[in-house]
Amino acid sequence: MVTAILDSGLSEDIKNYRNYINYVSENKESKWDNYGHGTMCYNIIKSINNTCVIDVIKVLDKFGCCDVSILCTALHDLIYSDVDIINLSLSVLGYLDEINYEKLFNICEILYNKNKIIICAAKNYYSGKAVPASFKNVLGVCGGCTENENIYCYNPLLEYQIKASNIPVLTNCHKAGCITFFKGNSKATALISGIMSKTGTINFFKNKKDINFLPTEKFIYNYLLNIGKKDLFVEYKEEFYDLKKIIISLNILEHFNRDDFFYKEKICFDINKSNVYFKIIKELERTYNCKYLYESIRLIDFSNIYSLFWGIKKLWKKMI
């Protein structure tokens, strides 16, 4: 299946895509991604389905903004393409007049009738309906917390039919070597695009389970509580204490409350400490002579030493 990512473009150092189309004036800025959002969406999709064929379509500028007319033009140009999935990790903010609203809806309707699936993010924080995520011809996605990144809930009766994990995961940004955490409904939307491109539409829509997505604070509390009860730390006692030594040797505990970090039920992570967490990851890669798939590393894995060890042993994927 061919997936089109309509976003802020792609980092210049990434070459694994089929087509690259730019709708943002090159007189104003580079055709490449200088906002980072599109590159992160690409990385999430590729982490789920590495063989996915991707067309990169730049509609967002360096501020992450897009004129509705540009979005309509880009979508319209996909009507007669061979694209199967259209990833829109974006939402129209503010007032949309009736003419543009109808124009956008009609284009989405044509794409829908051409069997092209638009997967679109709901708003993260703003009130009111998300456009175009709330359109009946679009699959709207909102995020929630669940332990398994590959679990999602599909209910065609809801305004936003799909719920998926919005837990922040580590990924490369628009500049080589720039690492950050990607979160929210944008991340959840890219996750769904990756899953659908891998499973195919028939298998995807078979999943209509009513999965319990918990509020963030409750999920994290339950998650850490359950991890603390695992016998993993007894089974791998020596490795667990080796990890403690590595953390101490890095001289980074001033970024945490030292006692809290070594306590099972304490939460110490902070999304603004990406560089600290990346320092831990690089040292682990050096120690264990491996390379991790960053998109399998979640922010909550840095809650404390127990969640970090659980992530390393059970969740983090190694590059082949």
C-alpha atoms as a PDB file:
ATOM      1  CA  MET A   1       0.000   0.000   0.000  1.00  0.00           C
ATOM      2  CA  VAL A   2       1.200   3.491  -0.883  1.00  0.00           C
ATOM      3  CA  THR A   3       1.019   6.102   1.885  1.00  0.00           C
ATOM      4  CA  ALA A   4       1.096   9.857   1.343  1.00  0.00           C
ATOM      5  CA  ILE A   5       2.231  12.019   4.262  1.00  0.00           C
ATOM      6  CA  LEU A   6       0.864  15.558   3.983  1.00  0.00           C
ATOM      7  CA  ASP A   7       2.898  17.494   6.487  1.00  0.00           C
ATOM      8  CA  SER A   8       6.023  19.647   6.817  1.00  0.00           C
ATOM      9  CA  GLY A   9       8.136  17.600   4.423  1.00  0.00           C
ATOM     10  CA  LEU A  10      11.084  15.358   5.211  1.00  0.00           C
ATOM     11  CA  SER A  11      14.641  15.740   6.452  1.00  0.00           C
ATOM     12  CA  GLU A  12      17.074  16.151   3.582  1.00  0.00           C
ATOM     13  CA  ASP A  13      19.242  13.247   4.767  1.00  0.00           C
ATOM     14  CA  ILE A  14      16.385  10.687   4.370  1.00  0.00           C
ATOM     15  CA  LYS A  15      16.223   9.211   0.871  1.00  0.00           C
ATOM     16  CA  ASN A  16      13.815   6.296   1.276  1.00  0.00           C
ATOM     17  CA  TYR A  17      10.671   7.703  -0.317  1.00  0.00           C
ATOM     18  CA  ARG A  18       9.011   7.414  -3.734  1.00  0.00           C
ATOM     19  CA  ASN A  19       7.944  10.969  -4.540  1.00  0.00           C
ATOM     20  CA  TYR A  20       8.575  14.340  -2.914  1.00  0.00           C
ATOM     21  CA  ILE A  21       6.121  17.125  -3.736  1.00  0.00           C
ATOM     22  CA  ASN A  22       6.352  20.632  -2.302  1.00  0.00           C
ATOM     23  CA  TYR A  23       3.357  22.984  -2.162  1.00  0.00           C
ATOM     24  CA  VAL A  24       5.116  25.597  -0.019  1.00  0.00           C
ATOM     25  CA  SER A  25       6.817  28.418  -1.904  1.00  0.00           C
ATOM     26  CA  GLU A  26      10.555  27.786  -2.224  1.00  0.00           C
ATOM     27  CA  ASN A  27      11.011  31.552  -2.349  1.00  0.00           C
ATOM     28  CA  LYS A  28      10.151  31.622   1.352  1.00  0.00           C
ATOM     29  CA  GLU A  29      11.948  28.538   2.640  1.00  0.00           C
ATOM     30  CA  SER A  30      13.665  25.267   1.780  1.00  0.00           C
ATOM     31  CA  LYS A  31      11.641  22.466   0.256  1.00  0.00           C
ATOM     32  CA  TRP A  32      12.959  20.186   3.011  1.00  0.00           C
ATOM     33  CA  ASP A  33      11.492  19.793   6.479  1.00  0.00           C
ATOM     34  CA  ASN A  34      12.539  22.705   8.678  1.00  0.00           C
ATOM     35  CA  TYR A  35       9.789  22.178  11.249  1.00  0.00           C
ATOM     36  CA  GLY A  36      10.346  18.503  12.101  1.00  0.00           C
ATOM     37  CA  HIS A  37       6.764  17.277  12.314  1.00  0.00           C
ATOM     38  CA  GLY A  38       6.688  15.544   8.922  1.00  0.00           C
ATOM     39  CA  THR A  39       9.967  13.743   9.564  1.00  0.00           C
ATOM     40  CA  MET A  40       8.659  12.415  12.871  1.00  0.00           C
ATOM     41  CA  CYS A  41       5.450  11.145  11.202  1.00  0.00           C
ATOM     42  CA  TYR A  42       7.592   9.420   8.566  1.00  0.00           C
ATOM     43  CA  ASN A  43       9.757   7.762  11.210  1.00  0.00           C
ATOM     44  CA  ILE A  44       6.747   6.445  13.141  1.00  0.00           C
ATOM     45  CA  ILE A  45       5.194   4.935  10.008  1.00  0.00           C
ATOM     46  CA  LYS A  46       8.488   3.379   8.927  1.00  0.00           C
ATOM     47  CA  SER A  47       9.084   1.959  12.423  1.00  0.00           C
ATOM     48  CA  ILE A  48       5.826   0.011  12.048  1.00  0.00           C
ATOM     49  CA  ASN A  49       6.174  -0.914   8.383  1.00  0.00           C
ATOM     50  CA  ASN A  50       9.696  -0.508   7.036  1.00  0.00           C
ATOM     51  CA  THR A  51       8.646  -1.621   3.535  1.00  0.00           C
ATOM     52  CA  CYS A  52       5.898   0.995   3.266  1.00  0.00           C
ATOM     53  CA  VAL A  53       6.033   3.001   0.017  1.00  0.00           C
ATOM     54  CA  ILE A  54       5.789   6.677   0.935  1.00  0.00           C
ATOM     55  CA  ASP A  55       5.051   9.849  -0.995  1.00  0.00           C
ATOM     56  CA  VAL A  56       6.128  12.945   0.928  1.00  0.00           C
ATOM     57  CA  ILE A  57       3.951  16.001   0.330  1.00  0.00           C
ATOM     58  CA  LYS A  58       4.961  19.260   1.967  1.00  0.00           C
ATOM     59  CA  VAL A  59       1.999  21.500   2.889  1.00  0.00           C
ATOM     60  CA  LEU A  60       3.138  22.893   6.263  1.00  0.00           C
ATOM     61  CA  ASP A  61       5.664  25.713   6.489  1.00  0.00           C
ATOM     62  CA  LYS A  62       8.500  26.172   8.983  1.00  0.00           C
ATOM     63  CA  PHE A  63       5.976  27.259  11.622  1.00  0.00           C
ATOM     64  CA  GLY A  64       3.757  24.206  11.112  1.00  0.00           C
ATOM     65  CA  CYS A  65       1.083  26.301   9.397  1.00  0.00           C
ATOM     66  CA  CYS A  66      -0.803  25.732   6.166  1.00  0.00           C
ATOM     67  CA  ASP A  67      -3.322  27.693   4.129  1.00  0.00           C
ATOM     68  CA  VAL A  68      -6.546  25.713   3.597  1.00  0.00           C
ATOM     69  CA  SER A  69      -6.292  26.322  -0.151  1.00  0.00           C
ATOM     70  CA  ILE A  70      -2.911  24.563  -0.213  1.00  0.00           C
ATOM     71  CA  LEU A  71      -4.321  21.599   1.705  1.00  0.00           C
ATOM     72  CA  CYS A  72      -7.271  21.376  -0.704  1.00  0.00           C
ATOM     73  CA  THR A  73      -4.975  21.525  -3.743  1.00  0.00           C
ATOM     74  CA  ALA A  74      -2.662  18.825  -2.370  1.00  0.00           C
ATOM     75  CA  LEU A  75      -5.583  16.531  -1.552  1.00  0.00           C
ATOM     76  CA  HIS A  76      -7.245  17.167  -4.918  1.00  0.00           C
ATOM     77  CA  ASP A  77      -4.064  16.201  -6.743  1.00  0.00           C
ATOM     78  CA  LEU A  78      -4.206  12.775  -5.072  1.00  0.00           C
ATOM     79  CA  ILE A  79      -7.611  11.888  -6.540  1.00  0.00           C
ATOM     80  CA  TYR A  80      -6.193  10.127  -9.602  1.00  0.00           C
ATOM     81  CA  SER A  81      -2.986   8.914  -7.956  1.00  0.00           C
ATOM     82  CA  ASP A  82      -2.236   5.366  -6.830  1.00  0.00           C
ATOM     83  CA  VAL A  83      -2.008   6.450  -3.177  1.00  0.00           C
ATOM     84  CA  ASP A  84      -4.007   4.203  -0.810  1.00  0.00           C
ATOM     85  CA  ILE A  85      -3.542   5.947   2.573  1.00  0.00           C
ATOM     86  CA  ILE A  86      -3.345   9.672   3.253  1.00  0.00           C
ATOM     87  CA  ASN A  87      -1.792  10.605   6.603  1.00  0.00           C
ATOM     88  CA  LEU A  88      -2.935  13.963   7.967  1.00  0.00           C
ATOM     89  CA  SER A  89      -1.363  14.487  11.367  1.00  0.00           C
ATOM     90  CA  LEU A  90      -2.866  17.951  11.404  1.00  0.00           C
ATOM     91  CA  SER A  91      -6.109  19.822  12.004  1.00  0.00           C
ATOM     92  CA  VAL A  92      -7.587  23.101  10.819  1.00  0.00           C
ATOM     93  CA  LEU A  93      -7.498  25.595  13.701  1.00  0.00           C
ATOM     94  CA  GLY A  94      -9.815  28.511  14.106  1.00  0.00           C
ATOM     95  CA  TYR A  95     -12.746  29.542  11.946  1.00  0.00           C
ATOM     96  CA  LEU A  96     -13.220  27.934   8.528  1.00  0.00           C
ATOM     97  CA  ASP A  97     -15.728  29.718   6.324  1.00  0.00           C
ATOM     98  CA  GLU A  98     -18.556  27.790   4.693  1.00  0.00           C
ATOM     99  CA  ILE A  99     -17.064  27.865   1.190  1.00  0.00           C
ATOM    100  CA  ASN A 100     -13.703  26.383   2.244  1.00  0.00           C
ATOM    101  CA  TYR A 101     -15.397  23.934   4.606  1.00  0.00           C
ATOM    102  CA  GLU A 102     -17.573  22.602   1.787  1.00  0.00           C
ATOM    103  CA  LYS A 103     -14.655  22.537  -0.629  1.00  0.00           C
ATOM    104  CA  LEU A 104     -12.501  20.510   1.759  1.00  0.00           C
ATOM    105  CA  PHE A 105     -15.362  18.146   2.571  1.00  0.00           C
ATOM    106  CA  ASN A 106     -16.158  17.535  -1.111  1.00  0.00           C
ATOM    107  CA  ILE A 107     -12.546  16.716  -1.940  1.00  0.00           C
ATOM    108  CA  CYS A 108     -12.423  14.260   0.961  1.00  0.00           C
ATOM    109  CA  GLU A 109     -15.693  12.747  -0.323  1.00  0.00           C
ATOM    110  CA  ILE A 110     -14.222  12.204  -3.792  1.00  0.00           C
ATOM    111  CA  LEU A 111     -11.129  10.596  -2.288  1.00  0.00           C
ATOM    112  CA  TYR A 112     -13.361   8.398  -0.121  1.00  0.00           C
ATOM    113  CA  ASN A 113     -15.327   7.265  -3.189  1.00  0.00           C
ATOM    114  CA  LYS A 114     -12.018   6.479  -4.901  1.00  0.00           C
ATOM    115  CA  ASN A 115     -11.253   4.088  -1.974  1.00  0.00           C
ATOM    116  CA  LYS A 116      -8.497   6.297  -0.638  1.00  0.00           C
ATOM    117  CA  ILE A 117      -8.371   6.294   3.156  1.00  0.00           C
ATOM    118  CA  ILE A 118      -7.705   9.600   4.908  1.00  0.00           C
ATOM    119  CA  ILE A 119      -6.391   9.137   8.438  1.00  0.00           C
ATOM    120  CA  CYS A 120      -6.519  12.432  10.307  1.00  0.00           C
ATOM    121  CA  ALA A 121      -5.661  13.669  13.788  1.00  0.00           C
ATOM    122  CA  ALA A 122      -8.208  15.173  16.134  1.00  0.00           C
ATOM    123  CA  LYS A 123      -7.211  18.347  17.957  1.00  0.00           C
ATOM    124  CA  ASN A 124      -4.991  17.912  20.992  1.00  0.00           C
ATOM    125  CA  TYR A 125      -6.103  20.805  23.136  1.00  0.00           C
ATOM    126  CA  TYR A 126      -8.553  23.029  21.324  1.00  0.00           C
ATOM    127  CA  SER A 127     -12.314  22.835  21.760  1.00  0.00           C
ATOM    128  CA  GLY A 128     -14.784  22.260  18.964  1.00  0.00           C
ATOM    129  CA  LYS A 129     -14.866  19.769  16.132  1.00  0.00           C
ATOM    130  CA  ALA A 130     -11.621  18.870  14.423  1.00  0.00           C
ATOM    131  CA  VAL A 131     -11.571  19.471  10.669  1.00  0.00           C
ATOM    132  CA  PRO A 132     -11.210  17.325   8.641  1.00  0.00           C
ATOM    133  CA  ALA A 133     -10.963  14.582  11.321  1.00  0.00           C
ATOM    134  CA  SER A 134     -14.683  14.904  12.129  1.00  0.00           C
ATOM    135  CA  PHE A 135     -15.790  14.429   8.503  1.00  0.00           C
ATOM    136  CA  LYS A 136     -17.758  11.219   7.940  1.00  0.00           C
ATOM    137  CA  ASN A 137     -15.504  10.398   4.971  1.00  0.00           C
ATOM    138  CA  VAL A 138     -12.347  10.600   7.085  1.00  0.00           C
ATOM    139  CA  LEU A 139     -10.987   8.319   9.815  1.00  0.00           C
ATOM    140  CA  GLY A 140     -10.469  10.548  12.834  1.00  0.00           C
ATOM    141  CA  VAL A 141      -7.831   9.545  15.382  1.00  0.00           C
ATOM    142  CA  CYS A 142      -7.527  10.556  19.022  1.00  0.00           C
ATOM    143  CA  GLY A 143      -4.904   9.345  21.453  1.00  0.00           C
ATOM    144  CA  GLY A 144      -4.954   7.498  24.742  1.00  0.00           C
ATOM    145  CA  CYS A 145      -2.667   5.474  26.989  1.00  0.00           C
ATOM    146  CA  THR A 146      -2.135   1.753  26.583  1.00  0.00           C
ATOM    147  CA  GLU A 147       0.860  -0.475  27.301  1.00  0.00           C
ATOM    148  CA  ASN A 148       1.078  -1.939  23.788  1.00  0.00           C
ATOM    149  CA  GLU A 149       1.871   0.523  20.998  1.00  0.00           C
ATOM    150  CA  ASN A 150       0.292  -1.772  18.388  1.00  0.00           C
ATOM    151  CA  ILE A 151      -3.109  -1.887  20.097  1.00  0.00           C
ATOM    152  CA  TYR A 152      -5.850   0.338  18.758  1.00  0.00           C
ATOM    153  CA  CYS A 153      -9.623   0.597  18.997  1.00  0.00           C
ATOM    154  CA  TYR A 154     -11.876   1.050  15.957  1.00  0.00           C
ATOM    155  CA  ASN A 155     -15.506   2.024  16.411  1.00  0.00           C
ATOM    156  CA  PRO A 156     -17.263   3.369  13.278  1.00  0.00           C
ATOM    157  CA  LEU A 157     -20.075   4.837  15.395  1.00  0.00           C
ATOM    158  CA  LEU A 158     -17.835   7.371  17.134  1.00  0.00           C
ATOM    159  CA  GLU A 159     -17.055  10.862  15.836  1.00  0.00           C
ATOM    160  CA  TYR A 160     -13.353  10.006  15.930  1.00  0.00           C
ATOM    161  CA  GLN A 161     -13.467   6.334  14.998  1.00  0.00           C
ATOM    162  CA  ILE A 162      -9.991   5.278  16.077  1.00  0.00           C
ATOM    163  CA  LYS A 163      -8.159   5.469  19.365  1.00  0.00           C
ATOM    164  CA  ALA A 164      -4.435   4.721  19.530  1.00  0.00           C
ATOM    165  CA  SER A 165      -1.431   5.275  21.758  1.00  0.00           C
ATOM    166  CA  ASN A 166      -0.323   8.883  22.141  1.00  0.00           C
ATOM    167  CA  ILE A 167       2.460   8.041  24.599  1.00  0.00           C
ATOM    168  CA  PRO A 168       5.599   9.997  23.588  1.00  0.00           C
ATOM    169  CA  VAL A 169       8.242   7.931  21.796  1.00  0.00           C
ATOM    170  CA  LEU A 170      11.763   8.892  20.823  1.00  0.00           C
ATOM    171  CA  THR A 171      12.418   9.701  17.179  1.00  0.00           C
ATOM    172  CA  ASN A 172      14.726  11.620  14.877  1.00  0.00           C
ATOM    173  CA  CYS A 173      13.646  15.130  13.985  1.00  0.00           C
ATOM    174  CA  HIS A 174      14.312  17.260  10.886  1.00  0.00           C
ATOM    175  CA  LYS A 175      18.041  17.694  11.430  1.00  0.00           C
ATOM    176  CA  ALA A 176      20.538  14.860  11.415  1.00  0.00           C
ATOM    177  CA  GLY A 177      21.307  13.899  15.003  1.00  0.00           C
ATOM    178  CA  CYS A 178      18.323  15.847  16.394  1.00  0.00           C
ATOM    179  CA  ILE A 179      16.398  13.509  18.718  1.00  0.00           C
ATOM    180  CA  THR A 180      13.124  14.349  20.431  1.00  0.00           C
ATOM    181  CA  PHE A 181       9.927  12.795  21.769  1.00  0.00           C
ATOM    182  CA  PHE A 182       6.877  12.692  19.492  1.00  0.00           C
ATOM    183  CA  LYS A 183       3.477  12.636  21.184  1.00  0.00           C
ATOM    184  CA  GLY A 184      -0.207  13.457  20.948  1.00  0.00           C
ATOM    185  CA  ASN A 185      -2.810  12.779  18.295  1.00  0.00           C
ATOM    186  CA  SER A 186      -0.301  13.463  15.514  1.00  0.00           C
ATOM    187  CA  LYS A 187       1.818  10.568  16.724  1.00  0.00           C
ATOM    188  CA  ALA A 188      -1.263   8.355  17.192  1.00  0.00           C
ATOM    189  CA  THR A 189      -2.352   9.132  13.613  1.00  0.00           C
ATOM    190  CA  ALA A 190       1.026   8.208  12.120  1.00  0.00           C
ATOM    191  CA  LEU A 191       0.960   5.029  14.207  1.00  0.00           C
ATOM    192  CA  ILE A 192      -2.392   4.044  12.682  1.00  0.00           C
ATOM    193  CA  SER A 193      -1.164   4.819   9.154  1.00  0.00           C
ATOM    194  CA  GLY A 194       1.799   2.522   9.742  1.00  0.00           C
ATOM    195  CA  ILE A 195      -0.361  -0.271  11.133  1.00  0.00           C
ATOM    196  CA  MET A 196      -2.895  -0.046   8.305  1.00  0.00           C
ATOM    197  CA  SER A 197      -0.209  -0.014   5.621  1.00  0.00           C
ATOM    198  CA  LYS A 198       1.204  -3.191   7.140  1.00  0.00           C
ATOM    199  CA  THR A 199      -1.987  -5.158   7.882  1.00  0.00           C
ATOM    200  CA  GLY A 200      -4.087  -3.986   4.939  1.00  0.00           C
ATOM    201  CA  THR A 201      -7.529  -2.443   5.247  1.00  0.00           C
ATOM    202  CA  ILE A 202      -9.535  -5.670   5.579  1.00  0.00           C
ATOM    203  CA  ASN A 203      -7.567  -6.948   8.568  1.00  0.00           C
ATOM    204  CA  PHE A 204      -7.387  -3.479  10.090  1.00  0.00           C
ATOM    205  CA  PHE A 205     -11.145  -2.965  10.205  1.00  0.00           C
ATOM    206  CA  LYS A 206     -11.723  -6.401  11.721  1.00  0.00           C
ATOM    207  CA  ASN A 207     -10.386  -4.999  14.978  1.00  0.00           C
ATOM    208  CA  LYS A 208     -13.449  -3.500  16.671  1.00  0.00           C
ATOM    209  CA  LYS A 209     -12.498  -4.344  20.237  1.00  0.00           C
ATOM    210  CA  ASP A 210     -13.510  -2.000  23.019  1.00  0.00           C
ATOM    211  CA  ILE A 211     -10.081  -1.432  24.503  1.00  0.00           C
ATOM    212  CA  ASN A 212      -9.773   0.429  27.766  1.00  0.00           C
ATOM    213  CA  PHE A 213      -7.531   3.451  27.236  1.00  0.00           C
ATOM    214  CA  LEU A 214      -6.764   5.009  30.607  1.00  0.00           C
ATOM    215  CA  PRO A 215      -6.162   8.665  31.517  1.00  0.00           C
ATOM    216  CA  THR A 216      -2.448   9.409  31.484  1.00  0.00           C
ATOM    217  CA  GLU A 217      -1.835   9.710  35.235  1.00  0.00           C
ATOM    218  CA  LYS A 218      -3.854   6.592  36.086  1.00  0.00           C
ATOM    219  CA  PHE A 219      -2.188   4.589  33.326  1.00  0.00           C
ATOM    220  CA  ILE A 220       1.317   5.519  34.458  1.00  0.00           C
ATOM    221  CA  TYR A 221       0.532   4.747  38.100  1.00  0.00           C
ATOM    222  CA  ASN A 222      -0.899   1.303  37.232  1.00  0.00           C
ATOM    223  CA  TYR A 223       1.936   0.618  34.813  1.00  0.00           C
ATOM    224  CA  LEU A 224       4.686   1.370  37.331  1.00  0.00           C
ATOM    225  CA  LEU A 225       2.835  -0.527  40.042  1.00  0.00           C
ATOM    226  CA  ASN A 226       2.655  -3.639  37.852  1.00  0.00           C
ATOM    227  CA  ILE A 227       6.288  -3.388  36.792  1.00  0.00           C
ATOM    228  CA  GLY A 228       7.356  -3.212  40.425  1.00  0.00           C
ATOM    229  CA  LYS A 229       5.709  -6.588  41.027  1.00  0.00           C
ATOM    230  CA  LYS A 230       7.545  -8.375  38.190  1.00  0.00           C
ATOM    231  CA  ASP A 231      10.141 -11.005  39.014  1.00  0.00           C
ATOM    232  CA  LEU A 232      12.324  -9.733  36.158  1.00  0.00           C
ATOM    233  CA  PHE A 233      14.578  -7.896  38.601  1.00  0.00           C
ATOM    234  CA  VAL A 234      15.269 -11.109  40.518  1.00  0.00           C
ATOM    235  CA  GLU A 235      15.836 -13.157  37.366  1.00  0.00           C
ATOM    236  CA  TYR A 236      18.288 -10.628  35.958  1.00  0.00           C
ATOM    237  CA  LYS A 237      19.655  -9.349  39.243  1.00  0.00           C
ATOM    238  CA  GLU A 238      23.228  -8.807  38.061  1.00  0.00           C
ATOM    239  CA  GLU A 239      22.166  -6.979  34.891  1.00  0.00           C
ATOM    240  CA  PHE A 240      19.810  -4.828  36.932  1.00  0.00           C
ATOM    241  CA  TYR A 241      22.604  -3.717  39.240  1.00  0.00           C
ATOM    242  CA  ASP A 242      24.887  -3.183  36.236  1.00  0.00           C
ATOM    243  CA  LEU A 243      22.307  -0.750  34.875  1.00  0.00           C
ATOM    244  CA  LYS A 244      22.321   1.104  38.193  1.00  0.00           C
ATOM    245  CA  LYS A 245      26.102   1.424  37.932  1.00  0.00           C
ATOM    246  CA  ILE A 246      25.834   2.790  34.383  1.00  0.00           C
ATOM    247  CA  ILE A 247      23.301   5.429  35.440  1.00  0.00           C
ATOM    248  CA  ILE A 248      25.443   6.497  38.385  1.00  0.00           C
ATOM    249  CA  SER A 249      28.611   6.635  36.242  1.00  0.00           C
ATOM    250  CA  LEU A 250      26.997   9.063  33.780  1.00  0.00           C
ATOM    251  CA  ASN A 251      26.692  11.764  36.460  1.00  0.00           C
ATOM    252  CA  ILE A 252      23.162  12.633  35.374  1.00  0.00           C
ATOM    253  CA  LEU A 253      21.279  12.036  38.607  1.00  0.00           C
ATOM    254  CA  GLU A 254      21.229  15.752  39.299  1.00  0.00           C
ATOM    255  CA  HIS A 255      18.560  15.853  36.605  1.00  0.00           C
ATOM    256  CA  PHE A 256      16.397  13.561  38.730  1.00  0.00           C
ATOM    257  CA  ASN A 257      15.584  13.179  42.374  1.00  0.00           C
ATOM    258  CA  ARG A 258      18.102  10.418  43.073  1.00  0.00           C
ATOM    259  CA  ASP A 259      15.966   8.649  45.667  1.00  0.00           C
ATOM    260  CA  ASP A 260      12.868   8.842  43.472  1.00  0.00           C
ATOM    261  CA  PHE A 261      14.646   7.399  40.432  1.00  0.00           C
ATOM    262  CA  PHE A 262      15.527   4.255  42.374  1.00  0.00           C
ATOM    263  CA  TYR A 263      12.036   3.891  43.842  1.00  0.00           C
ATOM    264  CA  LYS A 264       9.518   1.601  42.120  1.00  0.00           C
ATOM    265  CA  GLU A 265       6.458   3.814  42.146  1.00  0.00           C
ATOM    266  CA  LYS A 266       7.988   7.247  41.601  1.00  0.00           C
ATOM    267  CA  ILE A 267       7.700   9.120  38.316  1.00  0.00           C
ATOM    268  CA  CYS A 268      10.765  11.122  37.321  1.00  0.00           C
ATOM    269  CA  PHE A 269      10.507  11.642  33.578  1.00  0.00           C
ATOM    270  CA  ASP A 270      10.309  15.063  31.963  1.00  0.00           C
ATOM    271  CA  ILE A 271       9.773  15.536  28.225  1.00  0.00           C
ATOM    272  CA  ASN A 272      12.189  18.463  28.282  1.00  0.00           C
ATOM    273  CA  LYS A 273      15.086  16.186  29.267  1.00  0.00           C
ATOM    274  CA  SER A 274      15.425  14.448  25.888  1.00  0.00           C
ATOM    275  CA  ASN A 275      19.197  15.069  25.796  1.00  0.00           C
ATOM    276  CA  VAL A 276      19.660  13.389  29.196  1.00  0.00           C
ATOM    277  CA  TYR A 277      17.695  10.321  28.124  1.00  0.00           C
ATOM    278  CA  PHE A 278      19.580  10.189  24.836  1.00  0.00           C
ATOM    279  CA  LYS A 279      22.845  10.195  26.779  1.00  0.00           C
ATOM    280  CA  ILE A 280      21.605   7.129  28.684  1.00  0.00           C
ATOM    281  CA  ILE A 281      20.605   5.388  25.444  1.00  0.00           C
ATOM    282  CA  LYS A 282      23.957   6.030  23.746  1.00  0.00           C
ATOM    283  CA  GLU A 283      25.817   4.653  26.749  1.00  0.00           C
ATOM    284  CA  LEU A 284      23.602   1.536  26.753  1.00  0.00           C
ATOM    285  CA  GLU A 285      24.236   1.063  23.030  1.00  0.00           C
ATOM    286  CA  ARG A 286      27.971   1.336  23.652  1.00  0.00           C
ATOM    287  CA  THR A 287      27.883  -1.030  26.638  1.00  0.00           C
ATOM    288  CA  TYR A 288      25.733  -3.689  24.951  1.00  0.00           C
ATOM    289  CA  ASN A 289      27.215  -3.151  21.476  1.00  0.00           C
ATOM    290  CA  CYS A 290      23.844  -2.626  19.799  1.00  0.00           C
ATOM    291  CA  LYS A 291      21.655  -0.015  18.129  1.00  0.00           C
ATOM    292  CA  TYR A 292      18.083   0.526  19.335  1.00  0.00           C
ATOM    293  CA  LEU A 293      15.069   1.405  17.232  1.00  0.00           C
ATOM    294  CA  TYR A 294      14.364   4.777  18.807  1.00  0.00           C
ATOM    295  CA  GLU A 295      10.644   4.652  18.025  1.00  0.00           C
ATOM    296  CA  SER A 296      10.320   1.700  20.419  1.00  0.00           C
ATOM    297  CA  ILE A 297      11.637   3.835  23.296  1.00  0.00           C
ATOM    298  CA  ARG A 298       8.936   5.649  25.253  1.00  0.00           C
ATOM    299  CA  LEU A 299       9.152   8.628  27.562  1.00  0.00           C
ATOM    300  CA  ILE A 300       7.563   6.677  30.425  1.00  0.00           C
ATOM    301  CA  ASP A 301      10.425   4.154  30.235  1.00  0.00           C
ATOM    302  CA  PHE A 302      12.492   6.785  32.055  1.00  0.00           C
ATOM    303  CA  SER A 303      10.090   7.007  35.010  1.00  0.00           C
ATOM    304  CA  ASN A 304      12.535   5.157  37.255  1.00  0.00           C
ATOM    305  CA  ILE A 305      15.230   2.482  37.190  1.00  0.00           C
ATOM    306  CA  TYR A 306      12.645  -0.320  37.131  1.00  0.00           C
ATOM    307  CA  SER A 307      10.702   0.984  34.140  1.00  0.00           C
ATOM    308  CA  LEU A 308      13.992   1.642  32.350  1.00  0.00           C
ATOM    309  CA  PHE A 309      15.189  -1.918  32.918  1.00  0.00           C
ATOM    310  CA  TRP A 310      11.794  -3.314  31.893  1.00  0.00           C
ATOM    311  CA  GLY A 311      11.962  -1.293  28.687  1.00  0.00           C
ATOM    312  CA  ILE A 312      15.456  -2.489  27.836  1.00  0.00           C
ATOM    313  CA  LYS A 313      14.662  -6.172  28.457  1.00  0.00           C
ATOM    314  CA  LYS A 314      11.093  -6.368  27.157  1.00  0.00           C
ATOM    315  CA  LEU A 315      10.135  -3.429  24.947  1.00  0.00           C
ATOM    316  CA  TRP A 316      13.058  -1.785  23.206  1.00  0.00           C
ATOM    317  CA  LYS A 317      13.742  -3.212  19.760  1.00  0.00           C
ATOM    318  CA  LYS A 318      17.244  -3.604  18.419  1.00  0.00           C
ATOM    319  CA  MET A 319      18.166  -2.704  14.867  1.00  0.00           C
ATOM    320  CA  ILE A 320      19.167  -5.697  12.769  1.00  0.00           C
END
